[in-house]
Amino acid sequence: MTEEERKQLKTFEGRVLLLLQEYKEQSKQLESLREDLELKDIEIELLKEELKQSQTNYTSLKTARMMEYSQDDVKEARQRITKLVREVNKCISLLVADEDHAASK
């Protein structure tokens, strides 16, 4: 083997070693990226579950608020009806008193 061939062989060996080193670094980086991706996928699934739970809670809260308003409306309606019944009773009392007064004349 000539001196020129040895130099070329050494150069080739050096380049192969550099390629192997670069390959190992790229493999490590790829593995790291895969791990990151897996963690992100897990995080996404957790966030999806959290979103689903928040939507369920929001729907429940809306329903509770609607019921709350309904109960307040019922309470207010009862108060109005009670007031009207009292006014009707007063009117009946006045009519009965007028009849008694007219009958006594």
N, C-alpha and C. Protein backbone atom coordinates (compact mmCIF):
# COMPACT_ATOMS: atom_id res chain seq x y z
N MET A 1 0.85 -1.17 0.00
CA MET A 1 0.00 0.00 0.00
C MET A 1 0.89 1.23 0.00
N THR A 2 0.57 2.17 -0.84
CA THR A 2 1.39 3.36 -0.99
C THR A 2 1.03 4.38 0.08
N GLU A 3 1.89 5.34 0.19
CA GLU A 3 1.69 6.42 1.18
C GLU A 3 0.40 7.18 0.90
N GLU A 4 0.11 7.40 -0.36
CA GLU A 4 -1.11 8.12 -0.76
C GLU A 4 -2.34 7.31 -0.36
N GLU A 5 -2.29 6.02 -0.53
CA GLU A 5 -3.42 5.15 -0.16
C GLU A 5 -3.63 5.15 1.35
N ARG A 6 -2.53 5.16 2.10
CA ARG A 6 -2.63 5.20 3.57
C ARG A 6 -3.29 6.49 4.02
N LYS A 7 -2.88 7.59 3.41
CA LYS A 7 -3.49 8.89 3.76
C LYS A 7 -4.99 8.88 3.44
N GLN A 8 -5.34 8.33 2.30
CA GLN A 8 -6.76 8.27 1.93
C GLN A 8 -7.54 7.36 2.89
N LEU A 9 -6.89 6.25 3.27
CA LEU A 9 -7.52 5.33 4.21
C LEU A 9 -7.72 6.01 5.56
N LYS A 10 -6.71 6.72 6.02
CA LYS A 10 -6.81 7.45 7.31
C LYS A 10 -7.91 8.50 7.22
N THR A 11 -7.95 9.22 6.11
CA THR A 11 -8.97 10.23 5.92
C THR A 11 -10.35 9.58 5.91
N PHE A 12 -10.45 8.45 5.22
CA PHE A 12 -11.72 7.73 5.16
C PHE A 12 -12.15 7.25 6.56
N GLU A 13 -11.19 6.67 7.31
CA GLU A 13 -11.47 6.20 8.67
C GLU A 13 -11.93 7.36 9.55
N GLY A 14 -11.28 8.50 9.42
CA GLY A 14 -11.65 9.69 10.20
C GLY A 14 -13.08 10.14 9.89
N ARG A 15 -13.38 10.12 8.62
CA ARG A 15 -14.74 10.52 8.21
C ARG A 15 -15.79 9.51 8.68
N VAL A 16 -15.47 8.24 8.62
CA VAL A 16 -16.39 7.20 9.10
C VAL A 16 -16.62 7.37 10.60
N LEU A 17 -15.52 7.64 11.34
CA LEU A 17 -15.66 7.86 12.80
C LEU A 17 -16.52 9.09 13.08
N LEU A 18 -16.32 10.16 12.31
CA LEU A 18 -17.14 11.37 12.48
C LEU A 18 -18.61 11.06 12.16
N LEU A 19 -18.84 10.27 11.12
CA LEU A 19 -20.21 9.89 10.77
C LEU A 19 -20.84 9.05 11.88
N LEU A 20 -20.07 8.13 12.43
CA LEU A 20 -20.59 7.30 13.53
C LEU A 20 -20.92 8.16 14.75
N GLN A 21 -20.03 9.09 15.05
CA GLN A 21 -20.26 9.99 16.18
C GLN A 21 -21.51 10.84 15.94
N GLU A 22 -21.65 11.38 14.74
CA GLU A 22 -22.82 12.18 14.39
C GLU A 22 -24.09 11.34 14.46
N TYR A 23 -23.99 10.08 13.99
CA TYR A 23 -25.13 9.17 14.04
C TYR A 23 -25.57 8.94 15.49
N LYS A 24 -24.61 8.70 16.38
CA LYS A 24 -24.93 8.49 17.80
C LYS A 24 -25.60 9.72 18.41
N GLU A 25 -25.07 10.90 18.09
CA GLU A 25 -25.65 12.14 18.60
C GLU A 25 -27.08 12.33 18.08
N GLN A 26 -27.25 12.06 16.79
CA GLN A 26 -28.59 12.20 16.19
C GLN A 26 -29.55 11.17 16.78
N SER A 27 -29.06 9.98 17.04
CA SER A 27 -29.90 8.94 17.66
C SER A 27 -30.34 9.36 19.06
N LYS A 28 -29.41 9.92 19.83
CA LYS A 28 -29.75 10.41 21.18
C LYS A 28 -30.77 11.53 21.11
N GLN A 29 -30.55 12.46 20.17
CA GLN A 29 -31.48 13.57 20.01
C GLN A 29 -32.86 13.07 19.59
N LEU A 30 -32.89 12.09 18.68
CA LEU A 30 -34.16 11.52 18.24
C LEU A 30 -34.87 10.85 19.40
N GLU A 31 -34.15 10.11 20.21
CA GLU A 31 -34.76 9.45 21.36
C GLU A 31 -35.30 10.48 22.35
N SER A 32 -34.54 11.55 22.55
CA SER A 32 -34.99 12.62 23.45
C SER A 32 -36.27 13.26 22.91
N LEU A 33 -36.32 13.50 21.61
CA LEU A 33 -37.51 14.09 21.00
C LEU A 33 -38.70 13.14 21.09
N ARG A 34 -38.46 11.86 20.94
CA ARG A 34 -39.55 10.88 21.09
C ARG A 34 -40.09 10.89 22.51
N GLU A 35 -39.20 10.96 23.49
CA GLU A 35 -39.64 11.02 24.89
C GLU A 35 -40.46 12.29 25.13
N ASP A 36 -39.97 13.42 24.60
CA ASP A 36 -40.71 14.68 24.74
C ASP A 36 -42.09 14.57 24.11
N LEU A 37 -42.13 13.96 22.93
CA LEU A 37 -43.40 13.79 22.23
C LEU A 37 -44.36 12.92 23.05
N GLU A 38 -43.84 11.87 23.62
CA GLU A 38 -44.67 10.99 24.45
C GLU A 38 -45.21 11.75 25.67
N LEU A 39 -44.35 12.55 26.30
CA LEU A 39 -44.79 13.35 27.44
C LEU A 39 -45.86 14.36 27.03
N LYS A 40 -45.67 14.96 25.87
CA LYS A 40 -46.65 15.93 25.37
C LYS A 40 -47.98 15.24 25.06
N ASP A 41 -47.91 14.04 24.51
CA ASP A 41 -49.14 13.28 24.25
C ASP A 41 -49.88 12.99 25.55
N ILE A 42 -49.14 12.61 26.57
CA ILE A 42 -49.76 12.36 27.88
C ILE A 42 -50.36 13.64 28.43
N GLU A 43 -49.63 14.74 28.31
CA GLU A 43 -50.12 16.04 28.78
C GLU A 43 -51.39 16.44 28.03
N ILE A 44 -51.41 16.20 26.73
CA ILE A 44 -52.60 16.52 25.92
C ILE A 44 -53.79 15.71 26.40
N GLU A 45 -53.59 14.43 26.66
CA GLU A 45 -54.69 13.58 27.14
C GLU A 45 -55.20 14.07 28.50
N LEU A 46 -54.28 14.46 29.37
CA LEU A 46 -54.70 14.99 30.68
C LEU A 46 -55.48 16.28 30.52
N LEU A 47 -55.02 17.14 29.62
CA LEU A 47 -55.71 18.41 29.39
C LEU A 47 -57.09 18.18 28.76
N LYS A 48 -57.19 17.17 27.90
CA LYS A 48 -58.49 16.84 27.31
C LYS A 48 -59.46 16.39 28.40
N GLU A 49 -58.98 15.56 29.31
CA GLU A 49 -59.82 15.12 30.42
C GLU A 49 -60.23 16.30 31.30
N GLU A 50 -59.28 17.19 31.55
CA GLU A 50 -59.57 18.37 32.36
C GLU A 50 -60.61 19.26 31.66
N LEU A 51 -60.46 19.41 30.35
CA LEU A 51 -61.43 20.19 29.58
C LEU A 51 -62.81 19.55 29.64
N LYS A 52 -62.86 18.26 29.48
CA LYS A 52 -64.13 17.53 29.54
C LYS A 52 -64.79 17.72 30.91
N GLN A 53 -63.99 17.63 31.97
CA GLN A 53 -64.53 17.81 33.32
C GLN A 53 -65.00 19.25 33.51
N SER A 54 -64.24 20.21 32.99
CA SER A 54 -64.64 21.61 33.11
C SER A 54 -65.94 21.88 32.35
N GLN A 55 -66.09 21.27 31.19
CA GLN A 55 -67.33 21.44 30.43
C GLN A 55 -68.51 20.83 31.19
N THR A 56 -68.29 19.69 31.81
CA THR A 56 -69.34 19.06 32.60
C THR A 56 -69.71 19.95 33.79
N ASN A 57 -68.69 20.49 34.45
CA ASN A 57 -68.94 21.39 35.58
C ASN A 57 -69.69 22.63 35.14
N TYR A 58 -69.32 23.17 33.98
CA TYR A 58 -69.98 24.37 33.46
C TYR A 58 -71.45 24.09 33.17
N THR A 59 -71.71 22.94 32.55
CA THR A 59 -73.10 22.57 32.25
C THR A 59 -73.89 22.41 33.55
N SER A 60 -73.29 21.79 34.54
CA SER A 60 -73.96 21.62 35.83
C SER A 60 -74.23 22.97 36.48
N LEU A 61 -73.27 23.87 36.39
CA LEU A 61 -73.43 25.20 36.97
C LEU A 61 -74.55 25.96 36.27
N LYS A 62 -74.60 25.87 34.94
CA LYS A 62 -75.67 26.53 34.20
C LYS A 62 -77.03 25.98 34.63
N THR A 63 -77.13 24.68 34.76
CA THR A 63 -78.38 24.06 35.18
C THR A 63 -78.75 24.51 36.59
N ALA A 64 -77.78 24.54 37.48
CA ALA A 64 -78.05 24.98 38.85
C ALA A 64 -78.50 26.44 38.87
N ARG A 65 -77.89 27.26 38.07
CA ARG A 65 -78.29 28.67 38.02
C ARG A 65 -79.71 28.82 37.49
N MET A 66 -80.04 28.02 36.47
CA MET A 66 -81.40 28.08 35.93
C MET A 66 -82.40 27.66 37.01
N MET A 67 -82.06 26.63 37.77
CA MET A 67 -82.95 26.18 38.84
C MET A 67 -83.05 27.24 39.92
N GLU A 68 -81.92 27.90 40.21
CA GLU A 68 -81.90 28.95 41.22
C GLU A 68 -82.84 30.08 40.81
N TYR A 69 -82.74 30.49 39.55
CA TYR A 69 -83.62 31.54 39.08
C TYR A 69 -85.06 31.08 39.14
N SER A 70 -85.31 29.85 38.80
CA SER A 70 -86.66 29.32 38.82
C SER A 70 -87.22 29.33 40.25
N GLN A 71 -86.42 28.94 41.22
CA GLN A 71 -86.86 28.93 42.61
C GLN A 71 -87.13 30.35 43.09
N ASP A 72 -86.29 31.29 42.69
CA ASP A 72 -86.53 32.68 43.06
C ASP A 72 -87.83 33.18 42.43
N ASP A 73 -88.05 32.81 41.18
CA ASP A 73 -89.29 33.21 40.50
C ASP A 73 -90.50 32.61 41.20
N VAL A 74 -90.41 31.35 41.61
CA VAL A 74 -91.52 30.71 42.31
C VAL A 74 -91.79 31.42 43.63
N LYS A 75 -90.73 31.75 44.35
CA LYS A 75 -90.89 32.45 45.63
C LYS A 75 -91.57 33.80 45.42
N GLU A 76 -91.12 34.53 44.40
CA GLU A 76 -91.69 35.83 44.11
C GLU A 76 -93.16 35.69 43.69
N ALA A 77 -93.47 34.69 42.89
CA ALA A 77 -94.84 34.46 42.45
C ALA A 77 -95.73 34.13 43.65
N ARG A 78 -95.25 33.32 44.55
CA ARG A 78 -96.02 32.99 45.76
C ARG A 78 -96.32 34.25 46.58
N GLN A 79 -95.33 35.10 46.70
CA GLN A 79 -95.53 36.34 47.45
C GLN A 79 -96.60 37.20 46.79
N ARG A 80 -96.55 37.28 45.45
CA ARG A 80 -97.57 38.07 44.74
C ARG A 80 -98.96 37.46 44.93
N ILE A 81 -99.05 36.15 44.84
CA ILE A 81 -100.35 35.48 45.01
C ILE A 81 -100.87 35.71 46.42
N THR A 82 -100.01 35.61 47.41
CA THR A 82 -100.43 35.85 48.81
C THR A 82 -100.95 37.27 48.97
N LYS A 83 -100.26 38.21 48.37
CA LYS A 83 -100.69 39.61 48.44
C LYS A 83 -102.07 39.78 47.78
N LEU A 84 -102.24 39.15 46.59
CA LEU A 84 -103.53 39.24 45.90
C LEU A 84 -104.65 38.60 46.72
N VAL A 85 -104.39 37.47 47.35
CA VAL A 85 -105.39 36.79 48.18
C VAL A 85 -105.79 37.70 49.34
N ARG A 86 -104.82 38.37 49.96
CA ARG A 86 -105.14 39.29 51.06
C ARG A 86 -106.04 40.42 50.56
N GLU A 87 -105.72 40.96 49.38
CA GLU A 87 -106.55 42.04 48.83
C GLU A 87 -107.96 41.55 48.52
N VAL A 88 -108.09 40.34 47.98
CA VAL A 88 -109.41 39.77 47.70
C VAL A 88 -110.17 39.56 49.00
N ASN A 89 -109.52 39.07 50.03
CA ASN A 89 -110.17 38.87 51.33
C ASN A 89 -110.65 40.20 51.91
N LYS A 90 -109.84 41.25 51.76
CA LYS A 90 -110.27 42.58 52.23
C LYS A 90 -111.53 43.03 51.48
N CYS A 91 -111.51 42.81 50.15
CA CYS A 91 -112.68 43.19 49.35
C CYS A 91 -113.92 42.42 49.79
N ILE A 92 -113.77 41.13 50.01
CA ILE A 92 -114.91 40.32 50.46
C ILE A 92 -115.40 40.82 51.81
N SER A 93 -114.48 41.13 52.70
CA SER A 93 -114.87 41.65 54.02
C SER A 93 -115.64 42.95 53.88
N LEU A 94 -115.16 43.83 53.00
CA LEU A 94 -115.86 45.10 52.78
C LEU A 94 -117.25 44.87 52.20
N LEU A 95 -117.39 43.94 51.26
CA LEU A 95 -118.69 43.63 50.67
C LEU A 95 -119.65 43.05 51.71
N VAL A 96 -119.14 42.14 52.53
CA VAL A 96 -119.98 41.55 53.58
C VAL A 96 -120.39 42.63 54.56
N ALA A 97 -119.47 43.52 54.91
CA ALA A 97 -119.80 44.59 55.84
C ALA A 97 -120.85 45.52 55.23
N ASP A 98 -120.73 45.81 53.94
CA ASP A 98 -121.73 46.65 53.25
C ASP A 98 -123.09 45.97 53.24
N GLU A 99 -123.13 44.65 53.00
CA GLU A 99 -124.39 43.92 52.98
C GLU A 99 -125.03 43.96 54.37
N ASP A 100 -124.20 43.72 55.39
CA ASP A 100 -124.74 43.77 56.77
C ASP A 100 -125.24 45.17 57.08
N HIS A 101 -124.54 46.16 56.66
CA HIS A 101 -124.92 47.54 56.92
C HIS A 101 -126.22 47.87 56.16
N ALA A 102 -126.32 47.41 54.90
CA ALA A 102 -127.51 47.67 54.09
C ALA A 102 -128.69 46.88 54.63
N ALA A 103 -128.49 45.70 55.13
CA ALA A 103 -129.57 44.87 55.66
C ALA A 103 -130.08 45.44 56.97
N SER A 104 -129.23 46.07 57.73
CA SER A 104 -129.65 46.62 59.00
C SER A 104 -130.44 47.91 58.81
N LYS A 105 -130.40 48.53 57.70
CA LYS A 105 -131.13 49.76 57.44
C LYS A 105 -132.50 49.47 57.12
